[in-house]
Protein backbone atom coordinates (compact mmCIF):
# COMPACT_ATOMS: atom_id res chain seq x y z
CA MET A 1 -13.60 -10.56 -16.29
CA ILE A 2 -11.62 -8.37 -13.84
CA ARG A 3 -10.14 -5.82 -15.13
CA ASP A 4 -8.55 -3.76 -12.22
CA GLY A 5 -10.27 -2.97 -8.50
CA ILE A 6 -8.99 -4.24 -5.27
CA ILE A 7 -9.01 -7.36 -3.34
CA ASN A 8 -8.50 -6.65 0.20
CA LEU A 9 -6.94 -10.41 1.77
CA LEU A 10 -7.21 -11.50 4.79
CA LYS A 11 -3.56 -12.76 4.61
CA PRO A 12 -2.50 -16.00 7.37
CA ALA A 13 0.57 -15.96 9.27
CA GLY A 14 3.44 -18.32 7.59
CA MET A 15 2.96 -16.50 3.62
CA THR A 16 4.83 -13.81 2.45
CA SER A 17 2.69 -10.40 1.16
CA THR A 18 4.21 -11.45 -2.86
CA ASP A 19 2.56 -15.15 -2.02
CA GLY A 20 -0.67 -13.13 -1.87
CA VAL A 21 0.28 -11.16 -4.83
CA GLN A 22 1.33 -14.62 -6.71
CA LEU A 23 -1.92 -15.94 -5.93
CA LEU A 24 -4.36 -13.19 -7.17
CA ARG A 25 -2.14 -13.02 -10.76
CA LYS A 26 -2.47 -17.41 -10.48
CA LEU A 27 -6.21 -16.59 -10.03
CA THR A 28 -7.08 -13.36 -12.25
CA GLY A 29 -4.67 -14.35 -15.16
CA ILE A 30 -3.54 -10.35 -14.56
CA LYS A 31 -0.34 -9.92 -14.37
CA ARG A 32 0.27 -5.89 -13.46
CA ILE A 33 -0.73 -6.66 -9.80
CA GLY A 34 0.57 -5.02 -6.66
CA HIS A 35 0.22 -5.08 -2.96
CA ALA A 36 -0.24 -1.64 -0.80
CA GLY A 37 2.28 -2.13 2.58
CA THR A 38 4.16 -5.26 3.19
CA LEU A 39 3.21 -7.13 6.16
CA ASP A 40 5.71 -9.34 8.02
CA PRO A 41 5.36 -12.90 6.89
CA MET A 42 5.05 -14.46 10.21
CA ALA A 43 2.03 -11.26 10.85
CA ALA A 44 -2.03 -12.12 10.05
CA GLY A 45 -4.28 -9.40 8.75
CA VAL A 46 -5.51 -7.30 6.49
CA LEU A 47 -3.34 -7.18 3.09
CA PRO A 48 -4.68 -4.60 0.00
CA ILE A 49 -3.47 -5.97 -3.19
CA CYS A 50 -4.49 -4.33 -6.20
CA ILE A 51 -5.57 -5.56 -9.97
CA GLY A 52 -4.11 -3.70 -13.28
CA SER A 53 -4.86 -0.13 -13.14
CA ALA A 54 -5.87 0.17 -10.06
CA THR A 55 -2.01 -0.72 -8.58
CA ARG A 56 -1.63 3.17 -9.65
CA ILE A 57 -3.21 4.46 -6.51
CA ILE A 58 -0.46 2.62 -4.30
CA GLU A 59 1.18 6.04 -3.70
CA TYR A 60 -1.48 7.70 -2.74
CA LEU A 61 -2.45 5.18 0.10
CA ASP A 62 1.02 6.53 1.97
CA LEU A 63 -1.90 9.20 3.98
CA ASP A 64 -3.51 5.94 5.39
CA TYR A 65 -3.00 5.04 9.09
CA LYS A 66 -2.74 1.51 9.63
CA LYS A 67 -4.12 -0.44 12.91
CA TYR A 68 -2.17 -3.28 15.03
CA ARG A 69 -2.49 -5.41 17.56
CA CYS A 70 0.82 -6.78 18.88
CA GLU A 71 1.26 -9.82 21.79
CA MET A 72 5.00 -8.85 23.08
CA GLN A 73 7.01 -11.00 25.38
CA LEU A 74 8.76 -10.00 27.56
CA GLY A 75 12.07 -11.40 28.31
CA ILE A 76 13.75 -11.84 25.49
CA GLU A 77 15.30 -10.22 22.52
CA THR A 78 16.12 -11.36 19.20
CA ASP A 79 18.04 -9.92 16.04
CA THR A 80 14.50 -9.85 14.20
CA GLN A 81 13.37 -8.65 17.11
CA ASP A 82 10.66 -11.07 17.30
CA ILE A 83 9.87 -14.30 19.07
CA TRP A 84 10.90 -16.44 15.11
CA GLY A 85 14.55 -15.15 15.20
CA THR A 86 17.99 -16.15 17.20
CA VAL A 87 17.75 -15.30 20.95
CA ILE A 88 20.36 -13.09 21.75
CA SER A 89 19.54 -13.21 25.26
CA ASP A 90 17.19 -14.85 27.51
CA SER A 91 15.97 -12.91 30.94
CA ARG A 92 12.75 -14.75 31.84
CA GLY A 93 11.80 -15.71 35.12
CA SER A 94 15.01 -14.22 36.13
CA PHE A 95 12.70 -10.30 36.56
CA ALA A 96 10.62 -8.33 37.71
CA ALA A 97 7.87 -6.57 36.12
CA ASP A 98 6.03 -4.02 36.70
CA LYS A 99 2.19 -2.92 34.79
CA SER A 100 2.41 0.67 35.64
CA LYS A 101 5.47 1.02 34.56
CA ILE A 102 5.00 -1.20 31.33
CA ARG A 103 1.69 0.78 30.39
CA GLU A 104 4.01 4.62 30.83
CA VAL A 105 6.73 2.70 29.01
CA LEU A 106 4.43 2.15 25.75
CA THR A 107 2.34 5.14 26.34
CA GLY A 108 5.09 6.86 26.31
CA PHE A 109 5.80 5.94 22.19
CA LYS A 110 2.58 8.31 20.98
CA GLY A 111 3.57 10.67 19.29
CA ILE A 112 5.85 12.12 16.37
CA ILE A 113 9.38 9.16 16.97
CA SER A 114 12.31 8.36 15.97
CA GLN A 115 13.01 5.08 14.69
CA TYR A 116 16.06 2.55 13.85
CA PRO A 117 14.47 0.04 10.90
CA PRO A 118 15.40 -3.30 12.05
CA GLN A 119 18.06 -5.26 10.63
CA TYR A 120 16.13 -8.16 9.04
CA SER A 121 14.20 -5.90 7.10
CA ALA A 122 13.17 -4.88 3.72
CA VAL A 123 13.76 -0.80 4.09
CA ARG A 124 16.33 -0.39 1.46
CA VAL A 125 19.62 1.58 1.48
CA LYS A 126 22.60 1.55 -1.09
CA GLY A 127 19.67 -0.36 -3.58
CA ARG A 128 20.56 -3.44 -1.32
CA ARG A 129 17.28 -4.62 1.17
CA LEU A 130 18.49 -4.84 4.70
CA TYR A 131 17.56 -8.23 5.73
CA GLU A 132 20.01 -9.25 2.50
CA TYR A 133 23.12 -7.30 4.32
CA ALA A 134 22.40 -9.46 7.89
CA ARG A 135 21.97 -13.03 5.96
CA LYS A 136 25.29 -12.44 4.98
CA GLY A 137 26.57 -10.89 7.82
CA GLU A 138 27.25 -7.76 6.58
CA SER A 139 27.04 -4.46 8.46
CA VAL A 140 25.48 -0.75 7.27
CA LYS A 141 24.32 2.59 8.85
CA ILE A 142 20.79 2.47 9.50
CA GLU A 143 19.31 6.43 9.74
CA PRO A 144 16.41 6.55 11.89
CA ARG A 145 12.75 7.62 10.34
CA GLU A 146 10.51 9.87 12.04
CA VAL A 147 6.69 7.79 12.05
CA ASN A 148 3.55 8.64 13.93
CA ILE A 149 1.75 6.73 16.52
CA LYS A 150 -1.02 8.04 16.86
CA ASP A 151 -1.99 6.74 19.94
CA ILE A 152 -1.27 2.80 21.68
CA THR A 153 -3.19 1.61 23.74
CA VAL A 154 -2.81 -1.79 27.22
CA ILE A 155 -4.86 -3.84 26.42
CA ASN A 156 -4.24 -6.46 28.52
CA ILE A 157 -1.30 -7.23 31.12
CA ASP A 158 -0.27 -11.05 32.01
CA LEU A 159 2.27 -10.73 34.45
CA ASN A 160 2.18 -14.65 34.80
CA LYS A 161 3.46 -15.13 31.54
CA ASN A 162 4.87 -11.97 30.86
CA ARG A 163 3.20 -11.13 27.55
CA VAL A 164 1.93 -7.65 27.10
CA LEU A 165 -1.23 -7.09 24.46
CA PHE A 166 -1.11 -3.70 22.59
CA ASP A 167 -3.44 -1.56 19.68
CA VAL A 168 -1.16 0.54 17.80
CA GLU A 169 -2.55 2.97 15.31
CA CYS A 170 0.38 3.90 13.06
CA SER A 171 1.88 6.12 9.83
CA LYS A 172 3.42 3.96 7.07
CA GLY A 173 6.57 2.63 7.56
CA THR A 174 5.88 2.14 11.36
CA TYR A 175 7.57 -1.59 12.31
CA ILE A 176 6.16 -2.62 15.50
CA ARG A 177 8.63 -4.97 16.61
CA THR A 178 11.02 -1.85 16.63
CA ILE A 179 8.50 -0.92 19.26
CA CYS A 180 8.75 -4.11 21.19
CA HIS A 181 12.45 -3.88 21.27
CA ASP A 182 12.66 -0.47 21.98
CA ALA A 183 10.41 -1.14 25.06
CA GLY A 184 11.78 -3.93 25.73
CA LYS A 185 15.01 -1.22 26.28
CA ILE A 186 13.80 0.50 28.54
CA LEU A 187 11.92 -1.71 30.79
CA GLY A 188 15.54 -3.69 31.00
CA CYS A 189 13.98 -6.76 30.53
CA GLY A 190 14.59 -6.79 26.63
CA ALA A 191 11.40 -7.45 24.36
CA ALA A 192 9.90 -9.12 21.33
CA MET A 193 7.37 -9.58 19.35
CA SER A 194 5.52 -12.76 19.77
CA CYS A 195 2.35 -12.03 17.46
CA LEU A 196 0.62 -9.38 14.97
CA ILE A 197 -2.57 -8.84 13.17
CA ARG A 198 -3.44 -6.22 11.45
CA THR A 199 -6.51 -4.67 11.62
CA ALA A 200 -6.91 -2.14 9.21
CA SER A 201 -5.20 0.11 6.89
CA GLY A 202 -6.89 3.71 5.35
CA ALA A 203 -10.39 2.07 4.37
CA PHE A 204 -9.84 -1.50 4.43
CA THR A 205 -10.61 -3.65 7.96
CA LEU A 206 -10.65 -6.93 8.59
CA ASP A 207 -14.67 -6.68 8.29
CA ASN A 208 -14.02 -6.60 4.63
CA THR A 209 -11.38 -8.72 3.53
CA VAL A 210 -11.44 -11.83 1.58
CA THR A 211 -9.70 -15.62 2.76
CA ILE A 212 -7.79 -17.78 0.31
CA GLU A 213 -10.25 -20.28 1.06
CA GLU A 214 -13.12 -18.44 -0.07
CA LEU A 215 -11.15 -16.31 -3.11
CA THR A 216 -9.77 -20.11 -4.53
CA LYS A 217 -13.30 -21.83 -3.80
CA ASN A 218 -15.88 -18.60 -5.45
CA GLY A 219 -12.97 -16.65 -7.40
CA PRO A 220 -11.58 -12.97 -6.35
CA GLU A 221 -14.73 -11.53 -8.79
CA GLN A 222 -17.48 -11.32 -5.79
CA TYR A 223 -14.90 -9.58 -3.57
CA LEU A 224 -13.23 -6.95 -5.95
CA LEU A 225 -13.65 -3.59 -4.18
CA LYS A 226 -13.45 0.04 -6.94
CA THR A 227 -10.60 1.70 -7.59
CA ASP A 228 -11.64 4.86 -5.64
CA PHE A 229 -13.29 2.90 -1.99
CA PRO A 230 -10.08 3.27 -0.07
CA LEU A 231 -9.28 7.46 -1.38
CA ILE A 232 -11.14 8.51 1.15
CA HIS A 233 -8.62 11.61 1.74
CA PHE A 234 -9.59 13.16 -1.33
CA GLY A 235 -12.32 15.23 -2.23
CA GLN A 236 -14.62 14.71 -4.35
CA VAL A 237 -15.74 16.64 -7.80
CA TYR A 238 -18.35 16.15 -10.11
CA VAL A 239 -18.03 17.06 -14.31
CA ASN A 240 -20.86 16.08 -17.04
CA GLU A 241 -20.42 14.20 -19.83
CA LYS A 242 -18.63 17.14 -22.10
CA LYS A 243 -15.87 17.93 -19.34
CA ALA A 244 -15.40 14.22 -18.48
CA ARG A 245 -14.23 13.35 -21.92
CA LEU A 246 -11.94 17.12 -21.25
CA PHE A 247 -10.49 15.65 -18.84
CA ILE A 248 -9.48 11.72 -19.97
CA ASN A 249 -7.43 13.18 -22.41
CA GLY A 250 -5.99 14.78 -20.48
CA LYS A 251 -7.30 18.36 -20.20
CA TYR A 252 -6.93 20.54 -16.89
CA LEU A 253 -10.44 21.34 -15.46
CA ASN A 254 -11.76 24.96 -14.25
CA MET A 255 -13.33 25.35 -11.05
CA SER A 256 -16.49 26.17 -13.04
CA ASP A 257 -16.52 23.53 -15.58
CA VAL A 258 -16.65 21.18 -11.78
CA THR A 259 -19.18 20.87 -8.70
CA ILE A 260 -17.43 19.76 -5.06
CA VAL A 261 -19.39 17.55 -3.04
CA LYS A 262 -16.43 16.46 -0.66
CA GLU A 263 -13.38 18.91 0.44
CA PRO A 264 -10.55 16.93 0.78
CA GLU A 265 -10.03 15.79 4.37
CA TYR A 266 -6.42 18.02 4.81
CA LEU A 267 -7.04 20.80 3.37
CA ASN A 268 -6.70 23.24 6.42
CA SER A 269 -4.51 20.73 7.76
CA LYS A 270 -0.99 22.65 8.82
CA ASP A 271 1.01 19.52 11.31
CA GLU A 272 -1.04 16.40 9.53
CA PHE A 273 2.71 14.50 9.85
CA ASN A 274 4.09 13.57 6.73
CA ILE A 275 1.30 14.71 4.08
CA ARG A 276 2.55 15.58 0.51
CA GLN A 277 0.93 19.50 0.01
CA GLU A 278 -0.97 18.01 -3.11
CA TYR A 279 -2.19 15.99 -1.36
CA LYS A 280 -4.03 17.82 0.35
CA SER A 281 -5.30 19.33 -2.50
CA ALA A 282 -6.49 16.14 -3.91
CA TYR A 283 -10.14 15.53 -5.16
CA ASN A 284 -11.56 12.60 -7.26
CA VAL A 285 -13.27 12.95 -10.17
CA TYR A 286 -16.71 11.12 -11.37
CA LEU A 287 -19.05 11.54 -14.31
CA ASN A 288 -22.08 12.48 -13.18
CA HIS A 289 -24.20 10.79 -15.78
CA ASP A 290 -27.41 12.68 -14.71
CA ASN A 291 -25.87 16.21 -14.48
CA LYS A 292 -27.94 15.97 -10.99
CA THR A 293 -26.40 16.86 -7.25
CA PRO A 294 -27.26 14.63 -5.36
CA PRO A 295 -26.67 12.68 -8.64
CA GLN A 296 -30.29 10.63 -9.25
CA ASP A 297 -28.77 7.76 -11.38
CA TYR A 298 -25.62 6.97 -10.76
CA THR A 299 -21.17 8.04 -10.94
CA GLU A 300 -18.40 6.92 -12.62
CA PHE A 301 -15.15 7.49 -10.62
CA LEU A 302 -12.50 8.53 -13.42
CA GLY A 303 -9.33 10.16 -11.66
CA VAL A 304 -7.68 12.47 -9.62
CA VAL A 305 -6.91 16.51 -9.76
CA PHE A 306 -4.73 18.47 -7.99
CA TYR A 307 -6.38 21.83 -7.66
CA ASN A 308 -3.20 24.50 -8.20
CA LYS A 309 -4.01 27.50 -7.00
CA GLU A 310 -1.72 30.05 -8.94
CA LYS A 311 -4.46 29.13 -12.20
CA ASN A 312 -6.87 28.19 -10.13
CA LYS A 313 -7.59 24.45 -11.81
CA LEU A 314 -7.53 21.47 -10.77
CA ILE A 315 -4.72 20.14 -13.44
CA THR A 316 -5.34 16.21 -14.26
CA ASP A 317 -2.68 14.13 -12.26
CA LYS A 318 -3.97 10.76 -13.41
CA VAL A 319 -6.69 8.87 -15.50
CA PHE A 320 -8.49 5.81 -14.39
CA TYR A 321 -11.30 5.94 -17.26
CA GLN A 322 -10.89 3.33 -19.22
CA ALA A 323 -11.81 3.06 -22.95
CA GLY A 324 -14.75 -0.03 -23.39
CA SER A 325 -16.49 0.81 -20.02
CA GLU A 326 -19.95 2.25 -21.43
CA ARG A 327 -20.52 5.99 -21.22
């Protein structure tokens, strides 16, 4: 019986992220389920869905960079910045595209940029989603947000169809259709996103996704990933049985109580984009059943701690151990 874990759903185009959550609720009978990062209805690809106590890791996944493959249609602008919206202008057939200029414009987005979220998006302003204002024809001031385009690579340019295929690796909150829209403005011909696939989100990739058909036919149990599966940026510490009991009761851990087997990825990073300071010194805590390093038996994920430099202690942030688990 499922209690918690993560399903990496291969979301098809035409399905909302909320639909994916509802599907897992139906299949598992569990209400406490949430997705880790909205994927637009017409986009496809990686959609991690957390079940039970695993929903508590969603905030940690803000660290994760996401990867997309996008197709951009030149010569058209819409109100949603993708081809499924209402056409605002159409210059297809009346402009001359230049491959070198297209590459120059797209690669120019690499780095930390300021981006205005689309009017038709789930961003909240004054307690309401932007798409709620847009659907009612109401105007509201949209503030730009900084995002990090870690990499952007042009894969193919088809001048016969005026379509451009490119890959993007970016931080949370980046709108790929806005990159298309803004690129079209710079090129002077307009552009809209015509296809989008999310190929990765942190540790979640297309290789470890599961389809709706597989979930429905076989049940979600065999596709369930462990709660700590995506926490790849945190360090790792092992504790023995005695210290594990202290930890799961909310007590801090002294550095002498633990064996550090991995340091946090961003421990000494000074300029990594938009990382909470606590996350730079976060560790996953594991019970080492046989008290050996490396463990010869097995370990059990207990929770997450933050290192407090002033106290020289590991302070409990979240405990994931559930009473009733075998010990």
